[in-house]
């Protein structure tokens, strides 16, 4: 009987030891899980997927991490466009009658016409008033009336020429006066300059004059 009692006590002790080992194993497992838990936290340092994208923004340039910029206009100003009217706004003065040299030559075609060539004889450009040209014949009353379309004022560079057509005599007008010179002024307010008529004289009755054009062909169309 004594042997059986000792066996039961031994079994009980072994069972208690077994339970203790199992409990200790469970505790160690929980502790290992607790220590491993922070590495699975999505907010832990080094786990933000966006943090490893390089930023192209330089110091103070307002750029974004995606390479964009807060200044959508860019840093290069648009270039000035050529052909703008900066000639008129940039200090170029109006052409005066005395700024130009003049030549009047009788044209072979059309009949009763002459070509006026006006050349900038100065060293600076000037703005040519295209539609105010005044042509008069000494000894005749009044100035030639304008005919044809209006031209456009433009910058006449040094040495450049403009052209106007002069019609001295109309077939439906009788009579007339012989003339070998004309008076030319760019505007009615200026003092005219006298210009001889090459290949003259011509017979003048109802005189007409065009605006200034950039080619002789256009000037003699009307």
N, C-alpha and C. Protein backbone atom coordinates (compact mmCIF):
# COMPACT_ATOMS: atom_id res chain seq x y z
N UNK A 1 0.83 -1.20 0.00
CA UNK A 1 0.00 0.00 0.00
C UNK A 1 0.85 1.23 0.00
N UNK A 2 1.95 1.22 0.72
CA UNK A 2 2.85 2.37 0.76
C UNK A 2 3.42 2.66 -0.61
N UNK A 3 3.71 1.65 -1.41
CA UNK A 3 4.24 1.84 -2.75
C UNK A 3 3.27 2.53 -3.65
N UNK A 4 1.99 2.14 -3.54
CA UNK A 4 0.94 2.75 -4.38
C UNK A 4 0.79 4.20 -4.06
N UNK A 5 0.91 4.58 -2.75
CA UNK A 5 0.76 5.99 -2.37
C UNK A 5 1.88 6.80 -2.96
N UNK A 6 3.15 6.23 -2.89
CA UNK A 6 4.28 6.97 -3.45
C UNK A 6 4.12 7.14 -4.95
N UNK A 7 3.59 6.14 -5.63
CA UNK A 7 3.40 6.23 -7.08
C UNK A 7 2.42 7.33 -7.43
N UNK A 8 1.35 7.41 -6.61
CA UNK A 8 0.38 8.47 -6.93
C UNK A 8 0.98 9.84 -6.71
N UNK A 9 1.81 9.96 -5.63
CA UNK A 9 2.43 11.29 -5.41
C UNK A 9 3.41 11.63 -6.54
N UNK A 10 4.13 10.66 -6.98
CA UNK A 10 5.07 10.91 -8.08
C UNK A 10 4.35 11.32 -9.33
N UNK A 11 3.25 10.66 -9.61
CA UNK A 11 2.45 10.99 -10.82
C UNK A 11 1.92 12.40 -10.72
N UNK A 12 1.47 12.77 -9.49
CA UNK A 12 0.92 14.12 -9.31
C UNK A 12 1.99 15.16 -9.51
N UNK A 13 3.19 14.87 -8.98
CA UNK A 13 4.30 15.83 -9.16
C UNK A 13 4.65 15.98 -10.63
N UNK A 14 4.74 14.87 -11.35
CA UNK A 14 5.06 14.93 -12.76
C UNK A 14 4.00 15.70 -13.54
N UNK A 15 2.76 15.49 -13.15
CA UNK A 15 1.67 16.21 -13.85
C UNK A 15 1.79 17.69 -13.61
N UNK A 16 2.11 18.07 -12.35
CA UNK A 16 2.23 19.50 -12.04
C UNK A 16 3.39 20.10 -12.81
N UNK A 17 4.52 19.38 -12.89
CA UNK A 17 5.66 19.88 -13.65
C UNK A 17 5.30 20.06 -15.12
N UNK A 18 4.54 19.10 -15.63
CA UNK A 18 4.14 19.16 -17.03
C UNK A 18 3.31 20.40 -17.31
N UNK A 19 2.37 20.66 -16.39
CA UNK A 19 1.50 21.85 -16.54
C UNK A 19 2.33 23.13 -16.47
N UNK A 20 3.32 23.13 -15.58
CA UNK A 20 4.17 24.32 -15.46
C UNK A 20 4.98 24.58 -16.71
N UNK A 21 5.50 23.53 -17.29
CA UNK A 21 6.27 23.68 -18.53
C UNK A 21 5.40 24.21 -19.64
N UNK A 22 4.16 23.67 -19.73
CA UNK A 22 3.25 24.12 -20.78
C UNK A 22 2.91 25.59 -20.60
N UNK A 23 2.67 26.00 -19.34
CA UNK A 23 2.33 27.40 -19.07
C UNK A 23 3.49 28.31 -19.42
N UNK A 24 4.71 27.88 -19.07
CA UNK A 24 5.90 28.68 -19.38
C UNK A 24 6.11 28.80 -20.88
N UNK A 25 5.86 27.73 -21.60
CA UNK A 25 5.98 27.76 -23.07
C UNK A 25 5.00 28.73 -23.67
N UNK A 26 3.75 28.71 -23.13
CA UNK A 26 2.72 29.62 -23.65
C UNK A 26 3.11 31.06 -23.39
N UNK A 27 3.64 31.35 -22.20
CA UNK A 27 4.05 32.72 -21.87
C UNK A 27 5.17 33.19 -22.78
N UNK A 28 6.16 32.30 -23.00
CA UNK A 28 7.26 32.67 -23.90
C UNK A 28 6.76 32.96 -25.30
N UNK A 29 5.76 32.18 -25.76
CA UNK A 29 5.20 32.41 -27.11
C UNK A 29 4.52 33.76 -27.20
N UNK A 30 3.75 34.10 -26.12
CA UNK A 30 3.08 35.41 -26.14
C UNK A 30 4.08 36.54 -26.13
N UNK A 31 5.15 36.38 -25.38
CA UNK A 31 6.17 37.44 -25.32
C UNK A 31 6.83 37.63 -26.67
N UNK A 32 7.11 36.53 -27.37
CA UNK A 32 7.73 36.64 -28.69
C UNK A 32 6.80 37.33 -29.68
N UNK A 33 5.48 37.03 -29.56
CA UNK A 33 4.52 37.70 -30.44
C UNK A 33 4.47 39.19 -30.16
N UNK A 34 4.52 39.55 -28.85
CA UNK A 34 4.49 40.97 -28.48
C UNK A 34 5.71 41.69 -29.03
N UNK A 35 6.89 41.02 -28.96
CA UNK A 35 8.09 41.66 -29.48
C UNK A 35 8.05 41.78 -31.00
N UNK A 36 7.40 40.88 -31.69
CA UNK A 36 7.34 40.91 -33.16
C UNK A 36 6.26 41.84 -33.66
N UNK A 37 5.29 42.21 -32.84
CA UNK A 37 4.13 42.99 -33.29
C UNK A 37 4.50 44.34 -33.88
N UNK A 38 5.43 45.16 -33.34
CA UNK A 38 5.72 46.48 -33.91
C UNK A 38 6.18 46.44 -35.34
N UNK A 39 6.88 45.39 -35.79
CA UNK A 39 7.37 45.33 -37.17
C UNK A 39 6.25 45.19 -38.17
N UNK A 40 5.06 44.80 -37.71
CA UNK A 40 3.92 44.66 -38.63
C UNK A 40 3.06 45.90 -38.64
N UNK A 41 3.40 46.94 -37.84
CA UNK A 41 2.60 48.15 -37.77
C UNK A 41 2.78 48.96 -39.06
N UNK A 42 1.70 49.23 -39.83
CA UNK A 42 1.86 49.93 -41.11
C UNK A 42 2.35 51.35 -40.95
N UNK A 43 2.23 51.91 -39.72
CA UNK A 43 2.68 53.29 -39.53
C UNK A 43 4.09 53.39 -39.03
N UNK A 44 4.77 52.23 -38.91
CA UNK A 44 6.14 52.24 -38.40
C UNK A 44 7.07 52.89 -39.41
N UNK A 45 8.19 53.51 -38.94
CA UNK A 45 9.13 54.15 -39.87
C UNK A 45 9.65 53.18 -40.91
N UNK A 46 9.76 53.69 -42.16
CA UNK A 46 10.34 52.88 -43.24
C UNK A 46 9.34 52.05 -43.98
N UNK A 47 8.03 52.09 -43.55
CA UNK A 47 7.04 51.27 -44.25
C UNK A 47 6.12 52.11 -45.12
N UNK A 48 6.26 53.48 -45.13
CA UNK A 48 5.43 54.33 -45.98
C UNK A 48 5.92 54.21 -47.42
N UNK A 49 5.05 53.71 -48.28
CA UNK A 49 5.44 53.47 -49.67
C UNK A 49 5.78 54.76 -50.39
N UNK A 50 5.13 55.87 -49.95
CA UNK A 50 5.39 57.12 -50.64
C UNK A 50 6.70 57.76 -50.23
N UNK A 51 7.30 57.30 -49.14
CA UNK A 51 8.49 57.98 -48.63
C UNK A 51 9.73 57.71 -49.45
N UNK A 52 9.73 56.66 -50.28
CA UNK A 52 10.93 56.36 -51.05
C UNK A 52 10.85 56.92 -52.47
N UNK A 53 9.85 57.82 -52.76
CA UNK A 53 9.81 58.49 -54.06
C UNK A 53 10.68 59.73 -54.00
N UNK A 54 11.62 59.93 -54.93
CA UNK A 54 12.52 61.07 -54.85
C UNK A 54 11.77 62.37 -55.13
N UNK A 55 12.14 63.46 -54.46
CA UNK A 55 11.57 64.78 -54.70
C UNK A 55 12.46 65.56 -55.64
N UNK A 56 11.83 66.25 -56.63
CA UNK A 56 12.60 67.06 -57.57
C UNK A 56 12.58 68.52 -57.18
N UNK A 57 11.97 68.85 -56.07
CA UNK A 57 11.90 70.24 -55.66
C UNK A 57 13.21 70.68 -55.06
N UNK A 58 13.73 71.79 -55.58
CA UNK A 58 14.94 72.36 -55.02
C UNK A 58 14.60 73.30 -53.89
N UNK A 59 15.58 73.81 -53.18
CA UNK A 59 15.31 74.70 -52.05
C UNK A 59 14.61 75.96 -52.50
N UNK A 60 13.39 76.14 -51.98
CA UNK A 60 12.67 77.37 -52.24
C UNK A 60 12.05 77.49 -53.61
N UNK A 61 12.06 76.38 -54.40
CA UNK A 61 11.52 76.53 -55.75
C UNK A 61 10.05 76.18 -55.84
N UNK A 62 9.42 75.80 -54.75
CA UNK A 62 7.99 75.56 -54.76
C UNK A 62 7.57 74.33 -55.51
N UNK A 63 8.51 73.47 -55.89
CA UNK A 63 8.16 72.26 -56.64
C UNK A 63 7.52 71.23 -55.75
N UNK A 64 6.91 70.21 -56.34
CA UNK A 64 6.26 69.14 -55.61
C UNK A 64 7.08 67.88 -55.73
N UNK A 65 6.74 66.89 -54.90
CA UNK A 65 7.50 65.64 -54.91
C UNK A 65 7.30 64.88 -56.20
N UNK A 66 6.24 65.16 -56.93
CA UNK A 66 5.98 64.43 -58.17
C UNK A 66 6.64 65.09 -59.36
N UNK A 67 7.44 66.14 -59.11
CA UNK A 67 8.16 66.76 -60.22
C UNK A 67 7.43 67.95 -60.78
N UNK A 68 6.21 68.28 -60.31
CA UNK A 68 5.47 69.42 -60.80
C UNK A 68 5.98 70.68 -60.17
N UNK A 69 5.47 71.82 -60.64
CA UNK A 69 5.87 73.11 -60.12
C UNK A 69 4.65 73.94 -59.84
N UNK A 70 4.72 74.78 -58.81
CA UNK A 70 3.58 75.63 -58.49
C UNK A 70 3.49 76.80 -59.44
N UNK A 71 4.56 77.10 -60.22
CA UNK A 71 4.53 78.18 -61.17
C UNK A 71 4.32 77.60 -62.56
N UNK A 72 3.06 77.61 -63.03
CA UNK A 72 2.75 76.98 -64.31
C UNK A 72 3.19 77.83 -65.48
N UNK A 73 3.57 79.10 -65.22
CA UNK A 73 3.93 79.97 -66.32
C UNK A 73 5.34 79.78 -66.83
N UNK A 74 6.18 79.09 -66.09
CA UNK A 74 7.56 78.91 -66.52
C UNK A 74 8.38 80.13 -66.20
N UNK A 75 9.67 80.04 -66.41
CA UNK A 75 10.58 81.12 -66.06
C UNK A 75 11.03 81.93 -67.26
N UNK A 76 10.68 81.51 -68.49
CA UNK A 76 11.11 82.21 -69.68
C UNK A 76 9.99 83.05 -70.23
N UNK A 77 10.13 84.39 -70.27
CA UNK A 77 9.05 85.23 -70.78
C UNK A 77 8.88 85.02 -72.27
N UNK A 78 7.66 85.21 -72.73
CA UNK A 78 7.46 85.06 -74.17
C UNK A 78 8.28 86.09 -74.93
N UNK A 79 8.75 85.65 -76.04
CA UNK A 79 9.55 86.57 -76.83
C UNK A 79 8.65 87.58 -77.51
N UNK A 80 9.22 88.63 -77.71
CA UNK A 80 8.48 89.65 -78.41
C UNK A 80 8.23 89.22 -79.85
N UNK A 81 7.07 89.51 -80.17
CA UNK A 81 6.69 89.19 -81.50
C UNK A 81 7.27 90.18 -82.51
N UNK A 82 7.98 89.84 -83.79
CA UNK A 82 8.41 90.76 -84.83
C UNK A 82 7.24 91.27 -85.62
N UNK A 83 7.30 92.63 -86.27
CA UNK A 83 6.19 93.14 -87.03
C UNK A 83 5.16 93.85 -86.22
N UNK A 84 5.36 93.95 -84.91
CA UNK A 84 4.41 94.71 -84.11
C UNK A 84 4.61 96.19 -84.36
N UNK A 85 3.70 97.03 -83.83
CA UNK A 85 3.77 98.45 -84.11
C UNK A 85 4.69 99.17 -83.14
N UNK A 86 5.77 98.45 -82.65
CA UNK A 86 6.69 99.11 -81.74
C UNK A 86 7.49 100.20 -82.44
N UNK A 87 7.44 100.25 -83.79
CA UNK A 87 8.08 101.36 -84.48
C UNK A 87 7.40 102.67 -84.16
N UNK A 88 6.04 102.63 -84.09
CA UNK A 88 5.31 103.84 -83.80
C UNK A 88 5.42 104.18 -82.33
N UNK A 89 5.45 103.21 -81.47
CA UNK A 89 5.48 103.45 -80.04
C UNK A 89 6.90 103.58 -79.51
N UNK A 90 7.89 103.32 -80.35
CA UNK A 90 9.25 103.30 -79.85
C UNK A 90 10.02 104.58 -80.15
N UNK A 91 9.34 105.69 -80.48
CA UNK A 91 10.02 106.95 -80.67
C UNK A 91 10.31 107.31 -82.10
N UNK A 92 9.83 106.55 -83.08
CA UNK A 92 10.04 106.90 -84.49
C UNK A 92 9.08 108.03 -84.85
N UNK A 93 9.63 109.15 -85.33
CA UNK A 93 8.80 110.31 -85.65
C UNK A 93 8.16 110.22 -87.02
N UNK A 94 7.19 111.10 -87.26
CA UNK A 94 6.55 111.17 -88.56
C UNK A 94 7.52 111.71 -89.60
N UNK A 95 7.41 111.20 -90.81
CA UNK A 95 8.21 111.76 -91.91
C UNK A 95 7.72 113.18 -92.21
N UNK A 96 8.64 114.09 -92.37
CA UNK A 96 8.32 115.44 -92.81
C UNK A 96 8.72 115.61 -94.26
N UNK A 97 8.11 116.57 -94.92
CA UNK A 97 8.37 116.76 -96.35
C UNK A 97 9.85 116.92 -96.64
N UNK A 98 10.55 117.61 -95.76
CA UNK A 98 11.98 117.85 -96.00
C UNK A 98 12.86 116.64 -95.71
N UNK A 99 12.29 115.58 -95.11
CA UNK A 99 13.06 114.36 -94.82
C UNK A 99 13.26 113.50 -96.07
N UNK A 100 12.45 113.74 -97.11
CA UNK A 100 12.45 112.86 -98.27
C UNK A 100 12.95 113.60 -99.51
N UNK A 101 13.50 112.80 -100.44
CA UNK A 101 13.86 113.31 -101.76
C UNK A 101 12.83 112.82 -102.77
N UNK A 102 12.53 113.61 -103.81
CA UNK A 102 11.41 113.30 -104.71
C UNK A 102 11.87 113.29 -106.16
N UNK A 103 11.20 112.41 -106.92
CA UNK A 103 11.43 112.31 -108.35
C UNK A 103 10.08 112.07 -109.03
N UNK A 104 9.78 112.88 -110.06
CA UNK A 104 8.54 112.72 -110.81
C UNK A 104 8.91 112.45 -112.27
N UNK A 105 8.48 111.31 -112.79
CA UNK A 105 8.80 110.90 -114.16
C UNK A 105 7.53 110.51 -114.89
N UNK A 106 7.36 111.03 -116.11
CA UNK A 106 6.19 110.67 -116.92
C UNK A 106 6.24 109.19 -117.24
N UNK A 107 5.11 108.51 -117.04
CA UNK A 107 5.03 107.06 -117.26
C UNK A 107 4.64 106.78 -118.70
N UNK A 108 5.20 105.68 -119.25
CA UNK A 108 4.82 105.28 -120.60
C UNK A 108 3.41 104.69 -120.61
N UNK A 109 3.05 104.02 -119.54
CA UNK A 109 1.70 103.47 -119.37
C UNK A 109 1.34 103.60 -117.89
N UNK A 110 0.11 103.89 -117.60
CA UNK A 110 -0.94 104.37 -118.50
C UNK A 110 -0.69 105.81 -118.95
N UNK A 111 -1.40 106.20 -119.99
CA UNK A 111 -1.18 107.54 -120.55
C UNK A 111 -1.64 108.59 -119.55
N UNK A 112 -1.02 109.77 -119.68
CA UNK A 112 -1.34 110.93 -118.84
C UNK A 112 -0.99 110.71 -117.37
N UNK A 113 -0.13 109.75 -117.09
CA UNK A 113 0.27 109.46 -115.72
C UNK A 113 1.76 109.75 -115.52
N UNK A 114 2.10 110.02 -114.29
CA UNK A 114 3.50 110.15 -113.90
C UNK A 114 3.69 109.40 -112.58
N UNK A 115 4.91 108.98 -112.35
CA UNK A 115 5.22 108.24 -111.13
C UNK A 115 6.01 109.15 -110.19
N UNK A 116 5.51 109.30 -108.97
CA UNK A 116 6.22 110.03 -107.93
C UNK A 116 6.96 109.02 -107.05
N UNK A 117 8.27 109.19 -106.93
CA UNK A 117 9.08 108.36 -106.05
C UNK A 117 9.58 109.23 -104.90
N UNK A 118 9.30 108.82 -103.68
CA UNK A 118 9.73 109.55 -102.48
C UNK A 118 10.67 108.66 -101.69
N UNK A 119 11.90 109.13 -101.46
CA UNK A 119 12.94 108.32 -100.83
C UNK A 119 13.40 108.98 -99.53
N UNK A 120 13.51 108.17 -98.48
CA UNK A 120 14.01 108.67 -97.21
C UNK A 120 15.50 108.94 -97.35
N UNK A 121 15.86 110.22 -97.36
CA UNK A 121 17.27 110.59 -97.56
C UNK A 121 18.04 110.75 -96.26
N UNK A 122 17.35 110.56 -95.14
CA UNK A 122 18.01 110.68 -93.85
C UNK A 122 18.66 109.38 -93.42
N UNK A 123 19.23 109.40 -92.22
CA UNK A 123 19.88 108.21 -91.68
C UNK A 123 18.99 107.45 -90.70
N UNK A 124 17.81 108.00 -90.40
CA UNK A 124 16.89 107.39 -89.45
C UNK A 124 15.57 107.05 -90.13
N UNK A 125 14.88 106.01 -89.66
CA UNK A 125 13.55 105.71 -90.20
C UNK A 125 12.54 106.75 -89.73
N UNK A 126 11.44 106.83 -90.46
CA UNK A 126 10.34 107.72 -90.06
C UNK A 126 9.02 107.11 -90.49
N UNK A 127 7.95 107.55 -89.87
CA UNK A 127 6.62 107.01 -90.16
C UNK A 127 5.98 107.81 -91.29
N UNK A 128 5.74 107.14 -92.41
CA UNK A 128 5.22 107.81 -93.61
C UNK A 128 3.70 107.92 -93.56
N UNK A 129 3.13 109.14 -93.64
CA UNK A 129 1.68 109.27 -93.73
C UNK A 129 1.23 108.94 -95.15
N UNK A 130 0.56 107.84 -95.33
CA UNK A 130 0.30 107.33 -96.68
C UNK A 130 -0.79 108.08 -97.42
N UNK A 131 -1.73 108.67 -96.70
CA UNK A 131 -2.95 109.17 -97.36
C UNK A 131 -3.10 110.68 -97.39
N UNK A 132 -2.09 111.42 -96.97
CA UNK A 132 -2.24 112.87 -96.88
C UNK A 132 -1.44 113.62 -97.93
N UNK A 133 -0.91 112.93 -98.89
CA UNK A 133 -0.06 113.52 -99.92
C UNK A 133 -0.80 114.64 -100.66
N UNK A 134 -0.10 115.78 -100.82
CA UNK A 134 -0.67 116.94 -101.51
C UNK A 134 0.17 117.24 -102.75
N UNK A 135 -0.47 117.21 -103.91
CA UNK A 135 0.18 117.52 -105.18
C UNK A 135 -0.54 118.73 -105.79
N UNK A 136 0.22 119.77 -106.06
CA UNK A 136 -0.34 120.95 -106.72
C UNK A 136 0.52 121.32 -107.93
N UNK A 137 -0.10 122.02 -108.88
CA UNK A 137 0.61 122.49 -110.07
C UNK A 137 0.70 124.02 -109.97
N UNK A 138 1.90 124.54 -110.00
CA UNK A 138 2.03 125.99 -109.93
C UNK A 138 1.21 126.68 -111.02
N UNK A 139 0.44 127.68 -110.63
CA UNK A 139 -0.39 128.40 -111.59
C UNK A 139 -1.79 127.85 -111.71
N UNK A 140 -2.06 126.69 -111.12
CA UNK A 140 -3.41 126.11 -111.13
C UNK A 140 -4.01 126.18 -109.73
N UNK A 141 -5.33 126.35 -109.69
CA UNK A 141 -6.00 126.42 -108.39
C UNK A 141 -6.27 125.02 -107.85
N UNK A 142 -6.05 124.86 -106.56
CA UNK A 142 -6.41 123.62 -105.89
C UNK A 142 -5.38 122.51 -106.06
N UNK A 143 -5.55 121.50 -105.25
CA UNK A 143 -4.65 120.35 -105.27
C UNK A 143 -5.32 119.18 -105.99
N UNK A 144 -4.51 118.24 -106.43
CA UNK A 144 -5.06 117.04 -107.08
C UNK A 144 -5.90 116.25 -106.08
N UNK A 145 -7.02 115.74 -106.55
CA UNK A 145 -7.87 114.94 -105.66
C UNK A 145 -7.34 113.52 -105.54
N UNK A 146 -7.67 112.88 -104.44
CA UNK A 146 -7.17 111.52 -104.22
C UNK A 146 -8.03 110.51 -104.97
N UNK A 147 -7.39 109.46 -105.46
CA UNK A 147 -8.06 108.40 -106.19
C UNK A 147 -7.49 107.06 -105.72
N UNK A 148 -8.30 106.00 -105.82
CA UNK A 148 -7.84 104.67 -105.41
C UNK A 148 -8.02 104.44 -103.92
N UNK A 149 -7.63 103.26 -103.45
CA UNK A 149 -7.82 102.90 -102.04
C UNK A 149 -6.83 103.62 -101.13
N UNK A 150 -7.20 103.73 -99.88
CA UNK A 150 -6.29 104.28 -98.89
C UNK A 150 -5.14 103.30 -98.64
N UNK A 151 -3.98 103.86 -98.43
CA UNK A 151 -2.83 103.05 -98.04
C UNK A 151 -2.73 102.98 -96.53
N UNK A 152 -1.66 102.41 -96.05
CA UNK A 152 -1.44 102.28 -94.61
C UNK A 152 -0.11 102.91 -94.26
N UNK A 153 -0.12 103.75 -93.22
CA UNK A 153 1.13 104.35 -92.77
C UNK A 153 2.13 103.24 -92.43
N UNK A 154 3.38 103.45 -92.79
CA UNK A 154 4.38 102.44 -92.43
C UNK A 154 5.72 103.12 -92.19
N UNK A 155 6.62 102.36 -91.55
CA UNK A 155 7.95 102.87 -91.26
C UNK A 155 8.78 102.84 -92.54
N UNK A 156 9.21 104.04 -92.95
CA UNK A 156 10.06 104.16 -94.13
C UNK A 156 11.51 104.22 -93.66
N UNK A 157 12.24 103.16 -93.92
CA UNK A 157 13.62 103.08 -93.47
C UNK A 157 14.53 104.00 -94.27
N UNK A 158 15.69 104.27 -93.72
CA UNK A 158 16.66 105.11 -94.43
C UNK A 158 17.00 104.48 -95.78
N UNK A 159 16.89 105.29 -96.86
CA UNK A 159 17.18 104.81 -98.20
C UNK A 159 16.01 104.11 -98.87
N UNK A 160 14.93 103.84 -98.15
CA UNK A 160 13.77 103.14 -98.72
C UNK A 160 12.87 104.14 -99.43
N UNK A 161 12.13 103.64 -100.45
CA UNK A 161 11.27 104.51 -101.25
C UNK A 161 9.80 104.11 -101.17
N UNK A 162 8.94 105.10 -101.36
CA UNK A 162 7.49 104.90 -101.49
C UNK A 162 7.06 105.52 -102.81
N UNK A 163 5.91 105.06 -103.34
CA UNK A 163 5.51 105.47 -104.69
C UNK A 163 4.05 105.91 -104.71
N UNK A 164 3.79 106.93 -105.54
CA UNK A 164 2.42 107.40 -105.76
C UNK A 164 2.23 107.69 -107.24
N UNK A 165 1.04 107.46 -107.74
CA UNK A 165 0.72 107.73 -109.14
C UNK A 165 0.02 109.07 -109.27
N UNK A 166 0.42 109.84 -110.25
CA UNK A 166 -0.21 111.14 -110.51
C UNK A 166 -0.82 111.09 -111.91
N UNK A 167 -2.13 111.41 -111.98
CA UNK A 167 -2.77 111.53 -113.28
C UNK A 167 -2.98 113.03 -113.55
N UNK A 168 -2.37 113.51 -114.64
CA UNK A 168 -2.42 114.94 -114.92
C UNK A 168 -3.65 115.34 -115.72
N UNK A 169 -4.07 114.49 -116.63
CA UNK A 169 -5.12 114.91 -117.56
C UNK A 169 -6.12 113.78 -117.76
N UNK A 170 -7.39 114.12 -117.69
CA UNK A 170 -8.46 113.16 -117.95
C UNK A 170 -9.02 113.40 -119.34
N UNK A 171 -9.30 112.31 -120.05
CA UNK A 171 -9.74 112.40 -121.45
C UNK A 171 -11.09 113.11 -121.58
N UNK A 172 -11.92 113.05 -120.55
CA UNK A 172 -13.25 113.65 -120.64
C UNK A 172 -13.25 115.11 -120.20
N UNK A 173 -12.07 115.66 -119.96
CA UNK A 173 -11.97 117.06 -119.57
C UNK A 173 -11.18 117.83 -120.63
N UNK A 174 -11.83 118.86 -121.18
CA UNK A 174 -11.19 119.63 -122.26
C UNK A 174 -10.23 120.66 -121.67
N UNK A 175 -9.28 121.06 -122.53
CA UNK A 175 -8.37 122.12 -122.14
C UNK A 175 -7.31 121.64 -121.18
N UNK A 176 -6.63 122.58 -120.59
CA UNK A 176 -5.57 122.26 -119.65
C UNK A 176 -4.43 123.23 -119.77
N UNK A 177 -3.47 123.05 -118.94
CA UNK A 177 -2.31 123.93 -118.90
C UNK A 177 -1.05 123.10 -118.96
N UNK A 178 -0.06 123.61 -119.65
CA UNK A 178 1.21 122.92 -119.73
C UNK A 178 1.99 123.15 -118.43
N UNK A 179 2.59 122.07 -117.94
CA UNK A 179 3.36 122.18 -116.69
C UNK A 179 4.61 121.32 -116.79
N UNK A 180 5.69 121.81 -116.19
CA UNK A 180 6.94 121.06 -116.17
C UNK A 180 7.45 120.84 -114.74
N UNK A 181 6.60 121.12 -113.75
CA UNK A 181 6.97 120.89 -112.36
C UNK A 181 5.71 120.76 -111.50
N UNK A 182 5.88 120.13 -110.37
CA UNK A 182 4.79 119.98 -109.40
C UNK A 182 5.30 120.38 -108.02
N UNK A 183 4.38 120.65 -107.15
CA UNK A 183 4.73 120.91 -105.76
C UNK A 183 4.23 119.74 -104.91
N UNK A 184 5.08 119.26 -104.01
CA UNK A 184 4.81 118.06 -103.22
C UNK A 184 4.90 118.40 -101.73
N UNK A 185 3.89 117.97 -100.98
CA UNK A 185 3.92 118.06 -99.52
C UNK A 185 3.31 116.78 -98.96
N UNK A 186 3.90 116.26 -97.88
CA UNK A 186 3.38 115.01 -97.31
C UNK A 186 2.06 115.21 -96.58
N UNK A 187 1.82 116.43 -96.07
CA UNK A 187 0.57 116.75 -95.38
C UNK A 187 0.18 118.18 -95.76
N UNK A 188 -1.12 118.52 -95.64
CA UNK A 188 -1.56 119.88 -95.99
C UNK A 188 -0.94 120.98 -95.13
N UNK A 189 -0.49 120.63 -93.93
CA UNK A 189 0.05 121.65 -93.03
C UNK A 189 1.50 122.01 -93.31
N UNK A 190 2.17 121.28 -94.22
CA UNK A 190 3.59 121.50 -94.47
C UNK A 190 3.81 122.36 -95.71
N UNK A 191 4.95 123.01 -95.73
CA UNK A 191 5.35 123.80 -96.89
C UNK A 191 5.81 122.85 -97.99
N UNK A 192 5.25 122.98 -99.20
CA UNK A 192 5.61 122.04 -100.27
C UNK A 192 7.00 122.32 -100.83
N UNK A 193 7.54 121.28 -101.44
CA UNK A 193 8.81 121.41 -102.16
C UNK A 193 8.54 121.24 -103.66
N UNK A 194 9.24 122.00 -104.48
CA UNK A 194 9.02 121.98 -105.93
C UNK A 194 9.89 120.91 -106.58
N UNK A 195 9.25 120.08 -107.43
CA UNK A 195 9.95 118.95 -108.06
C UNK A 195 9.73 119.05 -109.57
N UNK A 196 10.79 119.00 -110.38
CA UNK A 196 10.63 119.04 -111.83
C UNK A 196 10.03 117.74 -112.36
N UNK A 197 9.33 117.82 -113.47
CA UNK A 197 8.73 116.63 -114.11
C UNK A 197 9.69 116.13 -115.18
N UNK A 198 10.29 114.99 -114.94
CA UNK A 198 11.18 114.39 -115.95
C UNK A 198 10.36 113.95 -117.16
N UNK A 199 10.89 114.22 -118.35
CA UNK A 199 10.23 113.92 -119.64
C UNK A 199 9.01 114.81 -119.84
N UNK A 200 8.89 115.91 -119.08
CA UNK A 200 7.81 116.87 -119.28
C UNK A 200 8.13 117.81 -120.45
N UNK A 201 7.29 118.80 -120.70
CA UNK A 201 6.11 119.14 -119.89
C UNK A 201 4.91 118.23 -120.18
N UNK A 202 3.89 118.40 -119.33
CA UNK A 202 2.65 117.64 -119.48
C UNK A 202 1.49 118.63 -119.50
N UNK A 203 0.37 118.15 -120.02
CA UNK A 203 -0.84 118.96 -120.00
C UNK A 203 -1.67 118.56 -118.80
N UNK A 204 -2.06 119.53 -118.01
CA UNK A 204 -2.77 119.26 -116.76
C UNK A 204 -4.15 119.88 -116.83
N UNK A 205 -5.18 119.07 -116.50
CA UNK A 205 -6.52 119.64 -116.29
C UNK A 205 -7.03 119.19 -114.92
N UNK A 206 -7.73 118.08 -114.84
CA UNK A 206 -8.21 117.57 -113.54
C UNK A 206 -7.19 116.58 -112.98
N UNK A 207 -6.30 117.06 -112.14
CA UNK A 207 -5.25 116.20 -111.59
C UNK A 207 -5.77 115.29 -110.49
N UNK A 208 -5.20 114.12 -110.43
CA UNK A 208 -5.52 113.14 -109.37
C UNK A 208 -4.22 112.49 -108.88
N UNK A 209 -4.24 112.03 -107.64
CA UNK A 209 -3.06 111.39 -107.07
C UNK A 209 -3.50 110.24 -106.16
N UNK A 210 -2.70 109.20 -106.13
CA UNK A 210 -3.00 108.05 -105.26
C UNK A 210 -2.35 108.25 -103.89
N UNK A 211 -2.64 107.34 -102.99
CA UNK A 211 -1.89 107.26 -101.74
C UNK A 211 -0.52 106.66 -102.03
N UNK A 212 0.34 106.65 -101.02
CA UNK A 212 1.64 106.02 -101.18
C UNK A 212 1.51 104.50 -101.12
N UNK A 213 2.27 103.83 -101.99
CA UNK A 213 2.35 102.37 -102.02
C UNK A 213 3.82 101.96 -101.96
N UNK A 214 4.04 100.67 -101.69
CA UNK A 214 5.41 100.19 -101.58
C UNK A 214 6.01 99.79 -102.92
N UNK A 215 5.19 99.73 -104.00
CA UNK A 215 5.70 99.39 -105.33
C UNK A 215 5.18 100.38 -106.37
N UNK A 216 5.98 100.61 -107.40
CA UNK A 216 5.58 101.50 -108.48
C UNK A 216 4.39 100.91 -109.25
N UNK A 217 4.36 99.61 -109.38
CA UNK A 217 3.26 98.96 -110.11
C UNK A 217 1.92 99.25 -109.46
N UNK A 218 1.86 99.15 -108.11
CA UNK A 218 0.60 99.46 -107.43
C UNK A 218 0.23 100.92 -107.59
N UNK A 219 1.21 101.79 -107.55
CA UNK A 219 0.94 103.22 -107.64
C UNK A 219 0.37 103.62 -109.00
N UNK A 220 0.74 102.90 -110.05
CA UNK A 220 0.28 103.25 -111.40
C UNK A 220 -0.93 102.44 -111.84
N UNK A 221 -1.59 101.77 -110.90
CA UNK A 221 -2.76 100.97 -111.24
C UNK A 221 -4.00 101.83 -111.40
N UNK A 222 -4.04 103.01 -110.84
CA UNK A 222 -5.28 103.80 -110.79
C UNK A 222 -5.16 105.05 -111.64
